PDB file of N, CA and C in Angstrom:
ATOM      1  N   MET A   1      18.771  -1.799  12.662  1.00  0.00           N
ATOM      2  CA  MET A   1      17.344  -1.550  12.541  1.00  0.00           C
ATOM      3  C   MET A   1      17.029  -0.094  12.858  1.00  0.00           C
ATOM      4  N   GLN A   2      17.701   0.431  13.884  1.00  0.00           N
ATOM      5  CA  GLN A   2      17.460   1.813  14.267  1.00  0.00           C
ATOM      6  C   GLN A   2      17.926   2.772  13.182  1.00  0.00           C
ATOM      7  N   ALA A   3      19.021   2.423  12.510  1.00  0.00           N
ATOM      8  CA  ALA A   3      19.514   3.280  11.430  1.00  0.00           C
ATOM      9  C   ALA A   3      18.523   3.319  10.275  1.00  0.00           C
ATOM     10  N   LEU A   4      17.901   2.178   9.976  1.00  0.00           N
ATOM     11  CA  LEU A   4      16.910   2.130   8.913  1.00  0.00           C
ATOM     12  C   LEU A   4      15.688   2.968   9.278  1.00  0.00           C
ATOM     13  N   MET A   5      15.238   2.861  10.514  1.00  0.00           N
ATOM     14  CA  MET A   5      14.082   3.649  10.947  1.00  0.00           C
ATOM     15  C   MET A   5      14.395   5.141  10.924  1.00  0.00           C
ATOM     16  N   THR A   6      15.602   5.507  11.298  1.00  0.00           N
ATOM     17  CA  THR A   6      16.007   6.907  11.256  1.00  0.00           C
ATOM     18  C   THR A   6      16.056   7.405   9.823  1.00  0.00           C
ATOM     19  N   GLN A   7      16.551   6.570   8.916  1.00  0.00           N
ATOM     20  CA  GLN A   7      16.616   6.953   7.505  1.00  0.00           C
ATOM     21  C   GLN A   7      15.213   7.118   6.928  1.00  0.00           C
ATOM     22  N   LEU A   8      14.283   6.230   7.283  1.00  0.00           N
ATOM     23  CA  LEU A   8      12.912   6.342   6.789  1.00  0.00           C
ATOM     24  C   LEU A   8      12.237   7.601   7.320  1.00  0.00           C
ATOM     25  N   ALA A   9      12.485   7.914   8.572  1.00  0.00           N
ATOM     26  CA  ALA A   9      11.849   9.080   9.190  1.00  0.00           C
ATOM     27  C   ALA A   9      12.475  10.401   8.738  1.00  0.00           C
ATOM     28  N   SER A  10      13.710  10.357   8.236  1.00  0.00           N
ATOM     29  CA  SER A  10      14.386  11.595   7.859  1.00  0.00           C
ATOM     30  C   SER A  10      13.841  12.213   6.584  1.00  0.00           C
ATOM     31  N   GLY A  11      13.206  11.403   5.743  1.00  0.00           N
ATOM     32  CA  GLY A  11      12.677  11.921   4.492  1.00  0.00           C
ATOM     33  C   GLY A  11      13.649  11.807   3.338  1.00  0.00           C
ATOM     34  N   HIS A  12      14.823  11.263   3.585  1.00  0.00           N
ATOM     35  CA  HIS A  12      15.806  11.059   2.514  1.00  0.00           C
ATOM     36  C   HIS A  12      15.357   9.894   1.638  1.00  0.00           C
ATOM     37  N   LEU A  13      15.265  10.113   0.332  1.00  0.00           N
ATOM     38  CA  LEU A  13      14.795   9.075  -0.578  1.00  0.00           C
ATOM     39  C   LEU A  13      15.964   8.455  -1.334  1.00  0.00           C
ATOM     40  N   ASP A  14      16.088   7.152  -1.219  1.00  0.00           N
ATOM     41  CA  ASP A  14      16.980   6.390  -2.076  1.00  0.00           C
ATOM     42  C   ASP A  14      16.229   5.118  -2.469  1.00  0.00           C
ATOM     43  N   ALA A  15      16.887   4.210  -3.121  1.00  0.00           N
ATOM     44  CA  ALA A  15      16.196   3.023  -3.647  1.00  0.00           C
ATOM     45  C   ALA A  15      15.591   2.173  -2.535  1.00  0.00           C
ATOM     46  N   LEU A  16      16.303   2.030  -1.422  1.00  0.00           N
ATOM     47  CA  LEU A  16      15.809   1.207  -0.320  1.00  0.00           C
ATOM     48  C   LEU A  16      14.554   1.808   0.304  1.00  0.00           C
ATOM     49  N   THR A  17      14.541   3.104   0.532  1.00  0.00           N
ATOM     50  CA  THR A  17      13.363   3.717   1.144  1.00  0.00           C
ATOM     51  C   THR A  17      12.163   3.686   0.205  1.00  0.00           C
ATOM     52  N   VAL A  18      12.402   3.819  -1.094  1.00  0.00           N
ATOM     53  CA  VAL A  18      11.295   3.736  -2.055  1.00  0.00           C
ATOM     54  C   VAL A  18      10.678   2.342  -2.025  1.00  0.00           C
ATOM     55  N   VAL A  19      11.509   1.310  -1.982  1.00  0.00           N
ATOM     56  CA  VAL A  19      11.006  -0.057  -1.918  1.00  0.00           C
ATOM     57  C   VAL A  19      10.243  -0.293  -0.625  1.00  0.00           C
ATOM     58  N   ILE A  20      10.780   0.161   0.488  1.00  0.00           N
ATOM     59  CA  ILE A  20      10.123  -0.051   1.781  1.00  0.00           C
ATOM     60  C   ILE A  20       8.783   0.668   1.830  1.00  0.00           C
ATOM     61  N   TRP A  21       8.729   1.927   1.411  1.00  0.00           N
ATOM     62  CA  TRP A  21       7.458   2.665   1.440  1.00  0.00           C
ATOM     63  C   TRP A  21       6.447   2.076   0.472  1.00  0.00           C
ATOM     64  N   THR A  22       6.915   1.543  -0.663  1.00  0.00           N
ATOM     65  CA  THR A  22       5.999   0.911  -1.614  1.00  0.00           C
ATOM     66  C   THR A  22       5.413  -0.371  -1.033  1.00  0.00           C
ATOM     67  N   VAL A  23       6.235  -1.164  -0.363  1.00  0.00           N
ATOM     68  CA  VAL A  23       5.736  -2.389   0.270  1.00  0.00           C
ATOM     69  C   VAL A  23       4.747  -2.065   1.387  1.00  0.00           C
ATOM     70  N   ILE A  24       5.057  -1.061   2.195  1.00  0.00           N
ATOM     71  CA  ILE A  24       4.140  -0.653   3.259  1.00  0.00           C
ATOM     72  C   ILE A  24       2.819  -0.178   2.672  1.00  0.00           C
ATOM     73  N   ALA A  25       2.878   0.604   1.611  1.00  0.00           N
ATOM     74  CA  ALA A  25       1.649   1.090   0.966  1.00  0.00           C
ATOM     75  C   ALA A  25       0.841  -0.052   0.378  1.00  0.00           C
ATOM     76  N   ALA A  26       1.524  -1.031  -0.225  1.00  0.00           N
ATOM     77  CA  ALA A  26       0.813  -2.170  -0.806  1.00  0.00           C
ATOM     78  C   ALA A  26       0.123  -2.996   0.276  1.00  0.00           C
ATOM     79  N   LEU A  27       0.795  -3.217   1.390  1.00  0.00           N
ATOM     80  CA  LEU A  27       0.188  -3.977   2.486  1.00  0.00           C
ATOM     81  C   LEU A  27      -1.023  -3.253   3.065  1.00  0.00           C
ATOM     82  N   LEU A  28      -0.897  -1.954   3.265  1.00  0.00           N
ATOM     83  CA  LEU A  28      -2.035  -1.182   3.779  1.00  0.00           C
ATOM     84  C   LEU A  28      -3.183  -1.147   2.779  1.00  0.00           C
ATOM     85  N   ALA A  29      -2.871  -1.092   1.495  1.00  0.00           N
ATOM     86  CA  ALA A  29      -3.915  -1.109   0.468  1.00  0.00           C
ATOM     87  C   ALA A  29      -4.612  -2.461   0.427  1.00  0.00           C
ATOM     88  N   MET A  30      -3.867  -3.528   0.659  1.00  0.00           N
ATOM     89  CA  MET A  30      -4.480  -4.853   0.697  1.00  0.00           C
ATOM     90  C   MET A  30      -5.442  -4.984   1.864  1.00  0.00           C
ATOM     91  N   VAL A  31      -5.031  -4.489   3.011  1.00  0.00           N
ATOM     92  CA  VAL A  31      -5.907  -4.538   4.187  1.00  0.00           C
ATOM     93  C   VAL A  31      -7.143  -3.675   3.966  1.00  0.00           C
ATOM     94  N   GLY A  32      -6.947  -2.486   3.456  1.00  0.00           N
ATOM     95  CA  GLY A  32      -8.081  -1.596   3.192  1.00  0.00           C
ATOM     96  C   GLY A  32      -9.006  -2.137   2.129  1.00  0.00           C
ATOM     97  N   GLY A  33      -8.455  -2.711   1.080  1.00  0.00           N
ATOM     98  CA  GLY A  33      -9.280  -3.286   0.021  1.00  0.00           C
ATOM     99  C   GLY A  33     -10.080  -4.474   0.509  1.00  0.00           C
ATOM    100  N   ALA A  34      -9.460  -5.327   1.316  1.00  0.00           N
ATOM    101  CA  ALA A  34     -10.175  -6.488   1.846  1.00  0.00           C
ATOM    102  C   ALA A  34     -11.287  -6.064   2.787  1.00  0.00           C
ATOM    103  N   THR A  35     -11.017  -5.092   3.629  1.00  0.00           N
ATOM    104  CA  THR A  35     -12.035  -4.605   4.572  1.00  0.00           C
ATOM    105  C   THR A  35     -13.208  -3.973   3.838  1.00  0.00           C
ATOM    106  N   ALA A  36     -12.910  -3.145   2.861  1.00  0.00           N
ATOM    107  CA  ALA A  36     -13.980  -2.484   2.110  1.00  0.00           C
ATOM    108  C   ALA A  36     -14.792  -3.497   1.306  1.00  0.00           C
ATOM    109  N   ALA A  37     -14.127  -4.484   0.721  1.00  0.00           N
ATOM    110  CA  ALA A  37     -14.845  -5.479  -0.071  1.00  0.00           C
ATOM    111  C   ALA A  37     -15.756  -6.337   0.790  1.00  0.00           C
ATOM    112  N   VAL A  38     -15.312  -6.681   1.991  1.00  0.00           N
ATOM    113  CA  VAL A  38     -16.170  -7.466   2.890  1.00  0.00           C
ATOM    114  C   VAL A  38     -17.394  -6.659   3.280  1.00  0.00           C
ATOM    115  N   ARG A  39     -17.194  -5.371   3.525  1.00  0.00           N
ATOM    116  CA  ARG A  39     -18.343  -4.532   3.891  1.00  0.00           C
ATOM    117  C   ARG A  39     -19.303  -4.336   2.733  1.00  0.00           C
ATOM    118  N   LEU A  40     -18.751  -4.188   1.523  1.00  0.00           N
ATOM    119  CA  LEU A  40     -19.604  -3.910   0.370  1.00  0.00           C
ATOM    120  C   LEU A  40     -20.217  -5.161  -0.258  1.00  0.00           C
ATOM    121  N   ALA A  41     -19.439  -6.220  -0.392  1.00  0.00           N
ATOM    122  CA  ALA A  41     -19.918  -7.375  -1.144  1.00  0.00           C
ATOM    123  C   ALA A  41     -19.870  -8.680  -0.361  1.00  0.00           C
ATOM    124  N   GLY A  42     -19.604  -8.619   0.924  1.00  0.00           N
ATOM    125  CA  GLY A  42     -19.488  -9.835   1.714  1.00  0.00           C
ATOM    126  C   GLY A  42     -20.763 -10.648   1.747  1.00  0.00           C
ATOM    127  N   LYS A  43     -21.885  -9.980   1.765  1.00  0.00           N
ATOM    128  CA  LYS A  43     -23.163 -10.685   1.826  1.00  0.00           C
ATOM    129  C   LYS A  43     -23.469 -11.387   0.504  1.00  0.00           C
ATOM    130  N   ASP A  44     -23.110 -10.780  -0.601  1.00  0.00           N
ATOM    131  CA  ASP A  44     -23.418 -11.344  -1.914  1.00  0.00           C
ATOM    132  C   ASP A  44     -22.417 -12.427  -2.334  1.00  0.00           C
ATOM    133  N   LEU A  45     -21.140 -12.173  -2.133  1.00  0.00           N
ATOM    134  CA  LEU A  45     -20.108 -13.102  -2.598  1.00  0.00           C
ATOM    135  C   LEU A  45     -19.615 -14.053  -1.514  1.00  0.00           C
ATOM    136  N   GLY A  46     -19.866 -13.714  -0.285  1.00  0.00           N
ATOM    137  CA  GLY A  46     -19.252 -14.430   0.834  1.00  0.00           C
ATOM    138  C   GLY A  46     -18.041 -13.648   1.292  1.00  0.00           C
ATOM    139  N   ASN A  47     -17.806 -13.674   2.580  1.00  0.00           N
ATOM    140  CA  ASN A  47     -16.726 -12.852   3.140  1.00  0.00           C
ATOM    141  C   ASN A  47     -15.343 -13.248   2.620  1.00  0.00           C
ATOM    142  N   ASP A  48     -15.104 -14.547   2.474  1.00  0.00           N
ATOM    143  CA  ASP A  48     -13.772 -14.984   2.038  1.00  0.00           C
ATOM    144  C   ASP A  48     -13.449 -14.532   0.618  1.00  0.00           C
ATOM    145  N   LEU A  49     -14.376 -14.746  -0.300  1.00  0.00           N
ATOM    146  CA  LEU A  49     -14.137 -14.348  -1.685  1.00  0.00           C
ATOM    147  C   LEU A  49     -14.050 -12.831  -1.817  1.00  0.00           C
ATOM    148  N   ALA A  50     -14.910 -12.121  -1.106  1.00  0.00           N
ATOM    149  CA  ALA A  50     -14.872 -10.660  -1.163  1.00  0.00           C
ATOM    150  C   ALA A  50     -13.549 -10.127  -0.628  1.00  0.00           C
ATOM    151  N   ALA A  51     -13.065 -10.704   0.471  1.00  0.00           N
ATOM    152  CA  ALA A  51     -11.787 -10.266   1.032  1.00  0.00           C
ATOM    153  C   ALA A  51     -10.632 -10.566   0.086  1.00  0.00           C
ATOM    154  N   LEU A  52     -10.677 -11.721  -0.554  1.00  0.00           N
ATOM    155  CA  LEU A  52      -9.623 -12.084  -1.504  1.00  0.00           C
ATOM    156  C   LEU A  52      -9.596 -11.126  -2.690  1.00  0.00           C
ATOM    157  N   LEU A  53     -10.754 -10.851  -3.247  1.00  0.00           N
ATOM    158  CA  LEU A  53     -10.807  -9.928  -4.381  1.00  0.00           C
ATOM    159  C   LEU A  53     -10.406  -8.514  -3.974  1.00  0.00           C
ATOM    160  N   GLY A  54     -10.849  -8.085  -2.801  1.00  0.00           N
ATOM    161  CA  GLY A  54     -10.477  -6.752  -2.331  1.00  0.00           C
ATOM    162  C   GLY A  54      -8.992  -6.622  -2.081  1.00  0.00           C
ATOM    163  N   ALA A  55      -8.390  -7.677  -1.541  1.00  0.00           N
ATOM    164  CA  ALA A  55      -6.945  -7.642  -1.291  1.00  0.00           C
ATOM    165  C   ALA A  55      -6.147  -7.643  -2.588  1.00  0.00           C
ATOM    166  N   MET A  56      -6.698  -8.252  -3.643  1.00  0.00           N
ATOM    167  CA  MET A  56      -5.987  -8.253  -4.930  1.00  0.00           C
ATOM    168  C   MET A  56      -6.154  -6.929  -5.660  1.00  0.00           C
ATOM    169  N   PHE A  57      -7.349  -6.351  -5.606  1.00  0.00           N
ATOM    170  CA  PHE A  57      -7.595  -5.136  -6.369  1.00  0.00           C
ATOM    171  C   PHE A  57      -7.339  -3.855  -5.573  1.00  0.00           C
ATOM    172  N   GLY A  58      -7.134  -3.937  -4.284  1.00  0.00           N
ATOM    173  CA  GLY A  58      -6.846  -2.753  -3.480  1.00  0.00           C
ATOM    174  C   GLY A  58      -5.566  -2.035  -3.888  1.00  0.00           C
ATOM    175  N   PRO A  59      -4.457  -2.764  -4.060  1.00  0.00           N
ATOM    176  CA  PRO A  59      -3.205  -2.108  -4.436  1.00  0.00           C
ATOM    177  C   PRO A  59      -3.149  -1.581  -5.863  1.00  0.00           C
ATOM    178  N   VAL A  60      -4.140  -1.911  -6.693  1.00  0.00           N
ATOM    179  CA  VAL A  60      -4.111  -1.478  -8.094  1.00  0.00           C
ATOM    180  C   VAL A  60      -4.062   0.041  -8.199  1.00  0.00           C
ATOM    181  N   GLY A  61      -4.767   0.725  -7.358  1.00  0.00           N
ATOM    182  CA  GLY A  61      -4.750   2.183  -7.384  1.00  0.00           C
ATOM    183  C   GLY A  61      -3.733   2.789  -6.438  1.00  0.00           C
ATOM    184  N   ALA A  62      -3.429   2.086  -5.356  1.00  0.00           N
ATOM    185  CA  ALA A  62      -2.553   2.664  -4.329  1.00  0.00           C
ATOM    186  C   ALA A  62      -1.085   2.634  -4.727  1.00  0.00           C
ATOM    187  N   VAL A  63      -0.628   1.541  -5.286  1.00  0.00           N
ATOM    188  CA  VAL A  63       0.806   1.420  -5.599  1.00  0.00           C
ATOM    189  C   VAL A  63       1.248   2.399  -6.679  1.00  0.00           C
ATOM    190  N   PRO A  64       0.532   2.554  -7.795  1.00  0.00           N
ATOM    191  CA  PRO A  64       0.958   3.591  -8.742  1.00  0.00           C
ATOM    192  C   PRO A  64       0.890   4.995  -8.147  1.00  0.00           C
ATOM    193  N   GLY A  65      -0.085   5.218  -7.287  1.00  0.00           N
ATOM    194  CA  GLY A  65      -0.182   6.530  -6.643  1.00  0.00           C
ATOM    195  C   GLY A  65       0.999   6.814  -5.734  1.00  0.00           C
ATOM    196  N   ILE A  66       1.408   5.834  -4.944  1.00  0.00           N
ATOM    197  CA  ILE A  66       2.544   6.046  -4.041  1.00  0.00           C
ATOM    198  C   ILE A  66       3.841   6.163  -4.830  1.00  0.00           C
ATOM    199  N   LEU A  67       3.977   5.398  -5.921  1.00  0.00           N
ATOM    200  CA  LEU A  67       5.189   5.534  -6.736  1.00  0.00           C
ATOM    201  C   LEU A  67       5.259   6.907  -7.399  1.00  0.00           C
ATOM    202  N   LEU A  68       4.132   7.398  -7.880  1.00  0.00           N
ATOM    203  CA  LEU A  68       4.104   8.736  -8.473  1.00  0.00           C
ATOM    204  C   LEU A  68       4.444   9.795  -7.429  1.00  0.00           C
ATOM    205  N   ALA A  69       3.899   9.638  -6.235  1.00  0.00           N
ATOM    206  CA  ALA A  69       4.200  10.600  -5.164  1.00  0.00           C
ATOM    207  C   ALA A  69       5.673  10.569  -4.787  1.00  0.00           C
ATOM    208  N   LEU A  70       6.269   9.378  -4.717  1.00  0.00           N
ATOM    209  CA  LEU A  70       7.688   9.293  -4.375  1.00  0.00           C
ATOM    210  C   LEU A  70       8.567   9.865  -5.481  1.00  0.00           C
ATOM    211  N   ILE A  71       8.160   9.678  -6.736  1.00  0.00           N
ATOM    212  CA  ILE A  71       8.926  10.270  -7.846  1.00  0.00           C
ATOM    213  C   ILE A  71       8.851  11.800  -7.777  1.00  0.00           C
ATOM    214  N   ILE A  72       7.679  12.312  -7.513  1.00  0.00           N
ATOM    215  CA  ILE A  72       7.530  13.765  -7.408  1.00  0.00           C
ATOM    216  C   ILE A  72       8.349  14.308  -6.246  1.00  0.00           C
ATOM    217  N   LEU A  73       8.314  13.618  -5.095  1.00  0.00           N
ATOM    218  CA  LEU A  73       9.087  14.068  -3.944  1.00  0.00           C
ATOM    219  C   LEU A  73      10.598  13.991  -4.190  1.00  0.00           C
ATOM    220  N   ALA A  74      11.018  13.024  -4.993  1.00  0.00           N
ATOM    221  CA  ALA A  74      12.443  12.889  -5.271  1.00  0.00           C
ATOM    222  C   ALA A  74      12.983  14.055  -6.094  1.00  0.00           C
ATOM    223  N   PHE A  75      12.125  14.659  -6.922  1.00  0.00           N
ATOM    224  CA  PHE A  75      12.587  15.738  -7.790  1.00  0.00           C
ATOM    225  C   PHE A  75      12.277  17.125  -7.255  1.00  0.00           C
ATOM    226  N   ILE A  76      11.672  17.197  -6.091  1.00  0.00           N
ATOM    227  CA  ILE A  76      11.396  18.518  -5.503  1.00  0.00           C
ATOM    228  C   ILE A  76      12.547  18.939  -4.632  1.00  0.00           C
TER     229      ILE A  76
END
């Protein structure tokens, strides 16, 4: 576990680190999308439905962005 954390912190990109950073970004985007949706539309749609929709649509913009950033970093 410590070796994996050291590899992630070192900035070395390989297939495993790309997958791990993409999963972390997707999870954070889901949390952020759900939180924002509850704040914006919770009163109109209900908190549960708003959180569900926000969690589904949150990663739509974040995951392609993080993949593009990792591709750019891999070639620099």
